[in-house]
Protein backbone atom coordinates (compact mmCIF):
# COMPACT_ATOMS: atom_id res chain seq x y z
CA MET A 1 -132.58 54.48 70.60
CA LEU A 2 -129.17 55.42 69.15
CA TYR A 3 -130.23 53.86 65.82
CA PHE A 4 -133.37 56.02 65.79
CA LYS A 5 -131.35 59.25 66.38
CA HIS A 6 -129.11 58.49 63.36
CA TYR A 7 -132.15 57.60 61.28
CA ALA A 8 -133.98 60.79 62.32
CA GLY A 9 -130.86 62.89 61.68
CA ALA A 10 -130.38 61.37 58.22
CA LEU A 11 -134.04 61.87 57.41
CA LEU A 12 -133.88 65.53 58.52
CA LEU A 13 -130.75 66.08 56.38
CA LEU A 14 -132.44 64.47 53.38
CA VAL A 15 -135.52 66.70 53.78
CA MET A 16 -133.33 69.82 54.05
CA VAL A 17 -131.26 68.94 50.96
CA THR A 18 -134.40 68.08 48.97
CA GLY A 19 -135.94 71.38 49.99
CA LEU A 20 -132.83 73.29 48.91
CA ILE A 21 -132.70 71.50 45.58
CA SER A 22 -136.38 72.04 44.86
CA CYS A 23 -136.11 75.73 45.83
CA ARG A 24 -133.14 76.19 43.50
CA GLN A 25 -134.41 76.98 40.03
CA GLU A 26 -133.02 74.59 37.49
CA GLU A 27 -131.62 76.33 34.44
CA PRO A 28 -133.45 75.26 31.25
CA PRO A 29 -131.40 72.89 29.04
CA LEU A 30 -131.40 75.37 26.15
CA GLN A 31 -129.81 78.06 28.34
CA LYS A 32 -127.11 75.61 29.47
CA VAL A 33 -126.22 74.85 25.86
CA LEU A 34 -126.29 78.51 24.83
CA GLU A 35 -123.66 79.25 27.49
CA VAL A 36 -121.05 78.16 24.92
CA ARG A 37 -121.69 81.53 23.25
CA ASN A 38 -119.54 83.05 25.98
CA LEU A 39 -116.53 81.36 24.38
CA SER A 40 -117.05 83.61 21.32
CA ASP A 41 -114.23 82.65 18.91
CA LEU A 42 -113.38 79.04 19.65
CA ALA A 43 -110.10 78.25 17.87
CA THR A 44 -109.75 74.52 17.35
CA THR A 45 -107.15 74.31 14.57
CA GLU A 46 -103.70 75.79 14.06
CA TYR A 47 -101.66 75.40 10.88
CA HIS A 48 -98.11 76.47 10.15
CA ILE A 49 -97.65 77.17 6.44
CA THR A 50 -94.49 78.20 4.65
CA LYS A 51 -94.88 80.39 1.59
CA ILE A 52 -92.08 81.22 -0.83
CA VAL A 53 -92.15 84.64 -2.44
CA LYS A 54 -89.77 86.01 -5.02
CA ALA A 55 -89.13 89.29 -6.72
CA SER A 56 -86.99 90.33 -9.63
CA ASP A 57 -86.78 93.76 -11.19
CA ASP A 58 -84.03 93.19 -13.74
CA LYS A 59 -86.28 94.11 -16.66
CA THR A 60 -86.28 97.81 -15.91
CA TRP A 61 -84.52 99.44 -18.86
CA TYR A 62 -83.14 102.46 -17.01
CA LYS A 63 -81.50 100.46 -14.19
CA LEU A 64 -78.27 98.61 -14.80
CA GLY A 65 -77.79 95.19 -13.22
CA ASP A 66 -80.07 92.58 -11.75
CA ARG A 67 -81.80 92.56 -8.41
CA LYS A 68 -83.51 89.38 -7.18
CA ILE A 69 -84.73 88.11 -3.84
CA LEU A 70 -86.29 84.86 -2.63
CA MET A 71 -87.91 84.83 0.81
CA SER A 72 -89.58 82.10 2.86
CA VAL A 73 -92.42 83.23 5.08
CA GLU A 74 -93.90 81.03 7.80
CA ALA A 75 -97.50 81.87 8.56
CA VAL A 76 -99.45 80.72 11.62
CA LEU A 77 -103.15 80.24 10.85
CA LYS A 78 -105.80 79.72 13.52
CA ALA A 79 -109.29 78.68 12.53
CA GLY A 80 -112.38 78.10 14.60
CA ILE A 81 -116.05 78.81 15.11
CA ASP A 82 -117.69 82.05 16.20
CA LEU A 83 -119.96 80.66 18.90
CA SER A 84 -121.36 84.10 19.69
CA LYS A 85 -123.50 83.67 16.53
CA LEU A 86 -125.27 80.64 18.02
CA GLN A 87 -128.99 81.44 18.34
CA PRO A 88 -131.75 79.60 20.25
CA GLU A 89 -133.24 78.38 16.96
CA ASP A 90 -129.87 76.70 16.18
CA VAL A 91 -130.37 74.33 19.13
CA ILE A 92 -132.99 71.57 19.00
CA ILE A 93 -133.40 69.55 22.21
CA ASP A 94 -135.62 66.49 22.44
CA GLY A 95 -135.05 64.77 25.77
CA LYS A 96 -131.51 63.35 25.65
CA ASN A 97 -131.18 64.14 21.92
CA ILE A 98 -129.69 67.40 20.71
CA THR A 99 -128.99 68.95 17.32
CA LEU A 100 -126.74 71.98 16.94
CA ASN A 101 -126.48 74.08 13.80
CA LEU A 102 -123.16 75.91 14.12
CA PRO A 103 -121.78 78.71 11.95
CA ALA A 104 -119.21 77.84 9.29
CA PRO A 105 -115.57 77.71 10.39
CA LYS A 106 -113.66 80.91 9.85
CA LEU A 107 -110.10 82.14 9.91
CA ILE A 108 -109.56 83.65 13.34
CA SER A 109 -106.00 84.85 12.83
CA LEU A 110 -103.19 84.87 10.31
CA ASN A 111 -99.86 85.80 11.83
CA LEU A 112 -96.51 86.26 10.09
CA PRO A 113 -94.05 86.18 12.99
CA PRO A 114 -90.76 87.96 12.31
CA SER A 115 -88.82 84.84 13.35
CA GLY A 116 -90.47 82.97 10.44
CA ILE A 117 -89.35 85.42 7.74
CA LYS A 118 -86.04 84.52 6.07
CA VAL A 119 -84.19 85.72 3.01
CA GLU A 120 -83.19 82.48 1.28
CA TYR A 121 -81.49 84.01 -1.73
CA GLN A 122 -80.58 87.50 -2.81
CA GLU A 123 -78.68 88.72 -5.86
CA ILE A 124 -77.86 92.41 -6.16
CA GLY A 125 -76.01 93.85 -9.16
CA ALA A 126 -73.04 96.11 -8.52
CA LEU A 127 -74.94 99.21 -9.60
CA ARG A 128 -78.16 98.40 -7.71
CA ASP A 129 -79.40 99.12 -4.20
CA PRO A 130 -80.48 96.20 -2.00
CA PHE A 131 -84.15 95.58 -1.33
CA ASP A 132 -85.28 98.05 1.33
CA ASN A 133 -87.83 97.43 4.10
CA ALA A 134 -90.68 98.84 1.99
CA ALA A 135 -89.94 96.34 -0.81
CA ARG A 136 -89.73 93.47 1.69
CA ASP A 137 -92.99 94.57 3.33
CA ALA A 138 -94.63 94.55 -0.10
CA LEU A 139 -93.42 90.95 -0.58
CA LEU A 140 -94.85 89.98 2.81
CA ALA A 141 -98.18 91.57 1.89
CA GLN A 142 -98.10 89.56 -1.36
CA ALA A 143 -97.42 86.35 0.63
CA GLU A 144 -100.31 87.07 3.02
CA LYS A 145 -102.66 87.75 0.10
CA GLN A 146 -101.69 84.45 -1.57
CA ILE A 147 -102.16 82.52 1.70
CA ARG A 148 -105.62 84.03 2.22
CA ARG A 149 -106.56 83.24 -1.38
CA ASP A 150 -105.50 79.59 -1.08
CA ILE A 151 -106.62 78.92 2.50
CA ALA A 152 -109.61 76.72 1.60
CA ALA A 153 -107.29 74.38 -0.33
CA THR A 154 -105.28 73.66 2.83
CA GLY A 155 -108.16 71.71 4.40
CA ILE A 156 -108.05 73.82 7.56
CA PHE A 157 -111.82 74.37 7.58
CA THR A 158 -112.59 70.65 7.28
CA GLU A 159 -110.21 69.91 10.14
CA THR A 160 -111.76 72.74 12.16
CA GLU A 161 -115.20 71.18 11.71
CA ASN A 162 -113.88 67.80 12.89
CA ASN A 163 -112.05 69.29 15.90
CA THR A 164 -115.03 71.44 16.87
CA ARG A 165 -117.40 68.49 16.51
CA THR A 166 -115.18 66.41 18.84
CA LEU A 167 -114.90 69.20 21.43
CA ILE A 168 -118.59 70.16 21.46
CA THR A 169 -119.67 66.49 21.48
CA GLY A 170 -117.58 65.88 24.60
CA PHE A 171 -119.09 68.94 26.25
CA LEU A 172 -122.64 67.83 25.41
CA GLN A 173 -122.03 64.23 26.50
CA HIS A 174 -120.80 65.58 29.83
CA ALA A 175 -124.02 67.61 30.00
CA GLY A 176 -126.01 64.36 29.68
CA TYR A 177 -126.97 64.17 26.01
CA ASN A 178 -126.79 60.76 24.31
CA ASN A 179 -127.64 61.40 20.64
CA ILE A 180 -125.71 64.46 19.40
CA THR A 181 -125.91 65.86 15.88
CA ILE A 182 -123.72 68.80 14.90
CA ARG A 183 -124.10 70.56 11.56
CA PHE A 184 -122.19 73.51 10.12
CA SER A 185 -123.39 76.31 7.87
CA PRO A 186 -121.89 76.24 4.36
CA GLN A 187 -118.51 77.88 3.93
CA THR A 188 -118.60 81.31 2.31
CA PRO A 189 -115.70 82.44 0.13
CA LEU A 190 -113.12 84.59 1.86
CA PRO A 191 -112.82 88.21 0.71
C-alpha cells in the first residue's frame, strides 16, 4: 500500500508538471534567436594602436627659429556588430540547422586616453613659443583621422568577424542548434 501511495503521488506530480508545461506557451525559435538584438552593439574586439604624429613649422619666413614636436598617441579601438539591425529575414531555421546573416563589423569606439598621449621629442628655437594646447589638439585630431583612414588595414574587422562567429556559435549551440552558418554583410568603407 505504501508503494502505491508513492506511485500515485509521483503520477499526480507528473500530470501537474505536464499540464503546466503544456499550458506555458513555448516561444518560437525565431523569437529566441532575435533576442540577441537586445545586445545592440556587441563589441568583440579591442585593439591598442600607437600612432606617431609630428609637426614642424620652421619654414615660415617671418618667424625666426625652428619649432618641432613628435608625439606618440595610443588609441583604443573597439569593434563589433550592431545586432539591433538583425531582422527576421536574416535568420533561417530548419529544424536543428540555422543560418544567420549578420551586419558587417563596425568601429564602435575610438578613444584617445590622455594617459596614452606623450611628447617624445620637442625642439623650440629661442625666439619661438612652445606648442600650445590648440596646436597639440590639432595633432591629436590628425592622428585620429589617420587611424580612422587606416583602420581596415589593421585586420580588426576580420578578427571581429571571427570573435563574433565564435561567441554567437556558442550561444546557438547552447540553444540546441547543431549546424550553424554565420555570414556577414560586406564591409562598407568608413567615412
